[in-house]
Amino acid sequence: MAPSPGERDQLFKGFARALFKGDIEALYEVVTPDFLWSFHDGLAVTKSLAGPEAIRKHLDEQRALFSAQRFHDVVYHHTDDISFMTFRVSETVRATGEQREQRGIEHYSFRDGKLAD
């Protein structure tokens, strides 16, 4: 059984907080040990990040690429067994100062009371 919408909101809060802080230990308090994070950069690159080191490397790459990255208009949409997050993200490319704005949708499933993918 998937967590309730309120429980999911708490998982997502912990997930976001851990990612923005780069706190891998905190991240793995809200995700399953085999969590798979699929990431698309909004342009051309899609990554499947499995394991703490892959996620840590990705976060380091993002910090090197962007001098600013902010999420806006984040909304979670819960169904019986999955959740979707819709959002807008604004980014500033560190090397050029280019401003980028993107919209996205992420899909999440649950297992054992945690985010699974």
C-alpha atoms as a PDB file:
ATOM      1  CA  MET A   1       0.000   0.000   0.000  1.00  0.00           C
ATOM      2  CA  ALA A   2       1.283   3.440  -0.938  1.00  0.00           C
ATOM      3  CA  PRO A   3       1.667   6.140   1.720  1.00  0.00           C
ATOM      4  CA  SER A   4      -1.255   8.528   2.224  1.00  0.00           C
ATOM      5  CA  PRO A   5      -1.122  11.904   0.449  1.00  0.00           C
ATOM      6  CA  GLY A   6      -0.047  13.558   3.722  1.00  0.00           C
ATOM      7  CA  GLU A   7       2.712  11.007   4.231  1.00  0.00           C
ATOM      8  CA  ARG A   8       3.834  11.519   0.636  1.00  0.00           C
ATOM      9  CA  ASP A   9       3.992  15.274   1.167  1.00  0.00           C
ATOM     10  CA  GLN A  10       6.346  14.677   4.113  1.00  0.00           C
ATOM     11  CA  LEU A  11       8.499  12.328   2.009  1.00  0.00           C
ATOM     12  CA  PHE A  12       8.717  14.930  -0.748  1.00  0.00           C
ATOM     13  CA  LYS A  13       9.602  17.638   1.750  1.00  0.00           C
ATOM     14  CA  GLY A  14      12.452  15.506   3.097  1.00  0.00           C
ATOM     15  CA  PHE A  15      13.516  14.585  -0.436  1.00  0.00           C
ATOM     16  CA  ALA A  16      13.694  18.209  -1.594  1.00  0.00           C
ATOM     17  CA  ARG A  17      15.445  19.386   1.567  1.00  0.00           C
ATOM     18  CA  ALA A  18      18.076  16.631   1.259  1.00  0.00           C
ATOM     19  CA  LEU A  19      18.700  17.350  -2.437  1.00  0.00           C
ATOM     20  CA  PHE A  20      19.084  21.092  -1.976  1.00  0.00           C
ATOM     21  CA  LYS A  21      21.486  20.551   0.917  1.00  0.00           C
ATOM     22  CA  GLY A  22      23.320  17.759  -0.894  1.00  0.00           C
ATOM     23  CA  ASP A  23      22.720  15.581   2.170  1.00  0.00           C
ATOM     24  CA  ILE A  24      22.856  12.020   0.829  1.00  0.00           C
ATOM     25  CA  GLU A  25      22.309  10.468   4.268  1.00  0.00           C
ATOM     26  CA  ALA A  26      19.085  12.446   4.727  1.00  0.00           C
ATOM     27  CA  LEU A  27      18.042  11.546   1.184  1.00  0.00           C
ATOM     28  CA  TYR A  28      18.299   7.833   1.954  1.00  0.00           C
ATOM     29  CA  GLU A  29      16.009   8.293   4.955  1.00  0.00           C
ATOM     30  CA  VAL A  30      13.120   8.968   2.517  1.00  0.00           C
ATOM     31  CA  VAL A  31      14.062   6.781  -0.471  1.00  0.00           C
ATOM     32  CA  THR A  32      14.449   3.020  -0.791  1.00  0.00           C
ATOM     33  CA  PRO A  33      17.983   1.573  -0.860  1.00  0.00           C
ATOM     34  CA  ASP A  34      17.551   0.799  -4.588  1.00  0.00           C
ATOM     35  CA  PHE A  35      15.967   4.181  -5.428  1.00  0.00           C
ATOM     36  CA  LEU A  36      16.287   5.061  -9.120  1.00  0.00           C
ATOM     37  CA  TRP A  37      16.061   8.749  -9.972  1.00  0.00           C
ATOM     38  CA  SER A  38      15.427   9.515 -13.638  1.00  0.00           C
ATOM     39  CA  PHE A  39      16.529  13.012 -14.498  1.00  0.00           C
ATOM     40  CA  HIS A  40      16.153  15.039 -17.693  1.00  0.00           C
ATOM     41  CA  ASP A  41      17.973  18.349 -18.064  1.00  0.00           C
ATOM     42  CA  GLY A  42      15.234  19.923 -20.192  1.00  0.00           C
ATOM     43  CA  LEU A  43      17.470  20.041 -23.241  1.00  0.00           C
ATOM     44  CA  ALA A  44      18.940  16.741 -24.384  1.00  0.00           C
ATOM     45  CA  VAL A  45      20.336  14.705 -21.507  1.00  0.00           C
ATOM     46  CA  THR A  46      18.445  11.988 -19.638  1.00  0.00           C
ATOM     47  CA  LYS A  47      20.153  10.214 -16.752  1.00  0.00           C
ATOM     48  CA  SER A  48      19.164   7.293 -14.579  1.00  0.00           C
ATOM     49  CA  LEU A  49      20.809   7.838 -11.219  1.00  0.00           C
ATOM     50  CA  ALA A  50      21.131   4.722  -9.083  1.00  0.00           C
ATOM     51  CA  GLY A  51      22.932   4.778  -5.762  1.00  0.00           C
ATOM     52  CA  PRO A  52      24.330   7.447  -3.486  1.00  0.00           C
ATOM     53  CA  GLU A  53      27.511   8.097  -5.487  1.00  0.00           C
ATOM     54  CA  ALA A  54      25.659   8.654  -8.779  1.00  0.00           C
ATOM     55  CA  ILE A  55      23.270  11.081  -7.077  1.00  0.00           C
ATOM     56  CA  ARG A  56      26.107  12.879  -5.283  1.00  0.00           C
ATOM     57  CA  LYS A  57      28.020  13.230  -8.586  1.00  0.00           C
ATOM     58  CA  HIS A  58      24.923  14.607 -10.311  1.00  0.00           C
ATOM     59  CA  LEU A  59      24.342  17.185  -7.566  1.00  0.00           C
ATOM     60  CA  ASP A  60      28.005  18.268  -7.787  1.00  0.00           C
ATOM     61  CA  GLU A  61      27.677  18.619 -11.579  1.00  0.00           C
ATOM     62  CA  GLN A  62      24.540  20.732 -11.169  1.00  0.00           C
ATOM     63  CA  ARG A  63      26.289  23.037  -8.678  1.00  0.00           C
ATOM     64  CA  ALA A  64      29.196  23.455 -11.094  1.00  0.00           C
ATOM     65  CA  LEU A  65      26.898  24.137 -14.057  1.00  0.00           C
ATOM     66  CA  PHE A  66      24.469  26.576 -12.432  1.00  0.00           C
ATOM     67  CA  SER A  67      25.134  29.605 -10.255  1.00  0.00           C
ATOM     68  CA  ALA A  68      21.411  29.630  -9.390  1.00  0.00           C
ATOM     69  CA  GLN A  69      18.663  27.059  -9.676  1.00  0.00           C
ATOM     70  CA  ARG A  70      15.213  27.724  -8.222  1.00  0.00           C
ATOM     71  CA  PHE A  71      12.012  25.696  -8.353  1.00  0.00           C
ATOM     72  CA  HIS A  72       8.672  27.498  -8.573  1.00  0.00           C
ATOM     73  CA  ASP A  73       5.008  26.512  -8.771  1.00  0.00           C
ATOM     74  CA  VAL A  74       5.678  23.028  -7.369  1.00  0.00           C
ATOM     75  CA  VAL A  75       2.470  20.985  -7.143  1.00  0.00           C
ATOM     76  CA  TYR A  76       2.106  17.313  -6.220  1.00  0.00           C
ATOM     77  CA  HIS A  77      -0.630  15.265  -7.856  1.00  0.00           C
ATOM     78  CA  HIS A  78      -1.390  12.008  -6.017  1.00  0.00           C
ATOM     79  CA  THR A  79      -3.128   8.964  -7.470  1.00  0.00           C
ATOM     80  CA  ASP A  80      -3.719   5.679  -5.668  1.00  0.00           C
ATOM     81  CA  ASP A  81      -0.190   4.338  -6.063  1.00  0.00           C
ATOM     82  CA  ILE A  82       1.937   7.026  -7.752  1.00  0.00           C
ATOM     83  CA  SER A  83       2.521  10.766  -7.507  1.00  0.00           C
ATOM     84  CA  PHE A  84       3.470  13.375 -10.067  1.00  0.00           C
ATOM     85  CA  MET A  85       5.245  16.636  -9.375  1.00  0.00           C
ATOM     86  CA  THR A  86       4.736  19.542 -11.764  1.00  0.00           C
ATOM     87  CA  PHE A  87       7.063  22.510 -11.511  1.00  0.00           C
ATOM     88  CA  ARG A  88       8.850  25.383 -13.156  1.00  0.00           C
ATOM     89  CA  VAL A  89      12.590  25.825 -12.682  1.00  0.00           C
ATOM     90  CA  SER A  90      14.714  28.886 -13.398  1.00  0.00           C
ATOM     91  CA  GLU A  91      18.451  28.448 -13.798  1.00  0.00           C
ATOM     92  CA  THR A  92      21.494  30.609 -14.433  1.00  0.00           C
ATOM     93  CA  VAL A  93      24.350  28.952 -16.311  1.00  0.00           C
ATOM     94  CA  ARG A  94      27.493  29.731 -14.355  1.00  0.00           C
ATOM     95  CA  ALA A  95      29.895  29.999 -17.329  1.00  0.00           C
ATOM     96  CA  THR A  96      27.791  32.321 -19.496  1.00  0.00           C
ATOM     97  CA  GLY A  97      25.182  33.926 -17.265  1.00  0.00           C
ATOM     98  CA  GLU A  98      22.487  32.521 -19.577  1.00  0.00           C
ATOM     99  CA  GLN A  99      19.059  32.458 -17.935  1.00  0.00           C
ATOM    100  CA  ARG A 100      16.999  29.328 -18.549  1.00  0.00           C
ATOM    101  CA  GLU A 101      13.412  28.626 -17.613  1.00  0.00           C
ATOM    102  CA  GLN A 102      11.866  25.195 -17.918  1.00  0.00           C
ATOM    103  CA  ARG A 103       8.733  23.350 -16.936  1.00  0.00           C
ATOM    104  CA  GLY A 104       8.770  19.748 -15.835  1.00  0.00           C
ATOM    105  CA  ILE A 105       6.836  16.741 -14.660  1.00  0.00           C
ATOM    106  CA  GLU A 106       8.327  14.030 -12.486  1.00  0.00           C
ATOM    107  CA  HIS A 107       6.783  10.646 -11.696  1.00  0.00           C
ATOM    108  CA  TYR A 108       7.307   8.856  -8.366  1.00  0.00           C
ATOM    109  CA  SER A 109       6.330   5.448  -7.033  1.00  0.00           C
ATOM    110  CA  PHE A 110       6.511   4.130  -3.488  1.00  0.00           C
ATOM    111  CA  ARG A 111       7.598   1.016  -1.661  1.00  0.00           C
ATOM    112  CA  ASP A 112       7.929   0.262   2.034  1.00  0.00           C
ATOM    113  CA  GLY A 113       6.705   3.759   2.913  1.00  0.00           C
ATOM    114  CA  LYS A 114       9.463   5.486   0.908  1.00  0.00           C
ATOM    115  CA  LEU A 115      10.090   6.904  -2.563  1.00  0.00           C
ATOM    116  CA  ALA A 116      11.162   4.074  -4.880  1.00  0.00           C
ATOM    117  CA  ASP A 117      11.556   5.860  -8.235  1.00  0.00           C
END
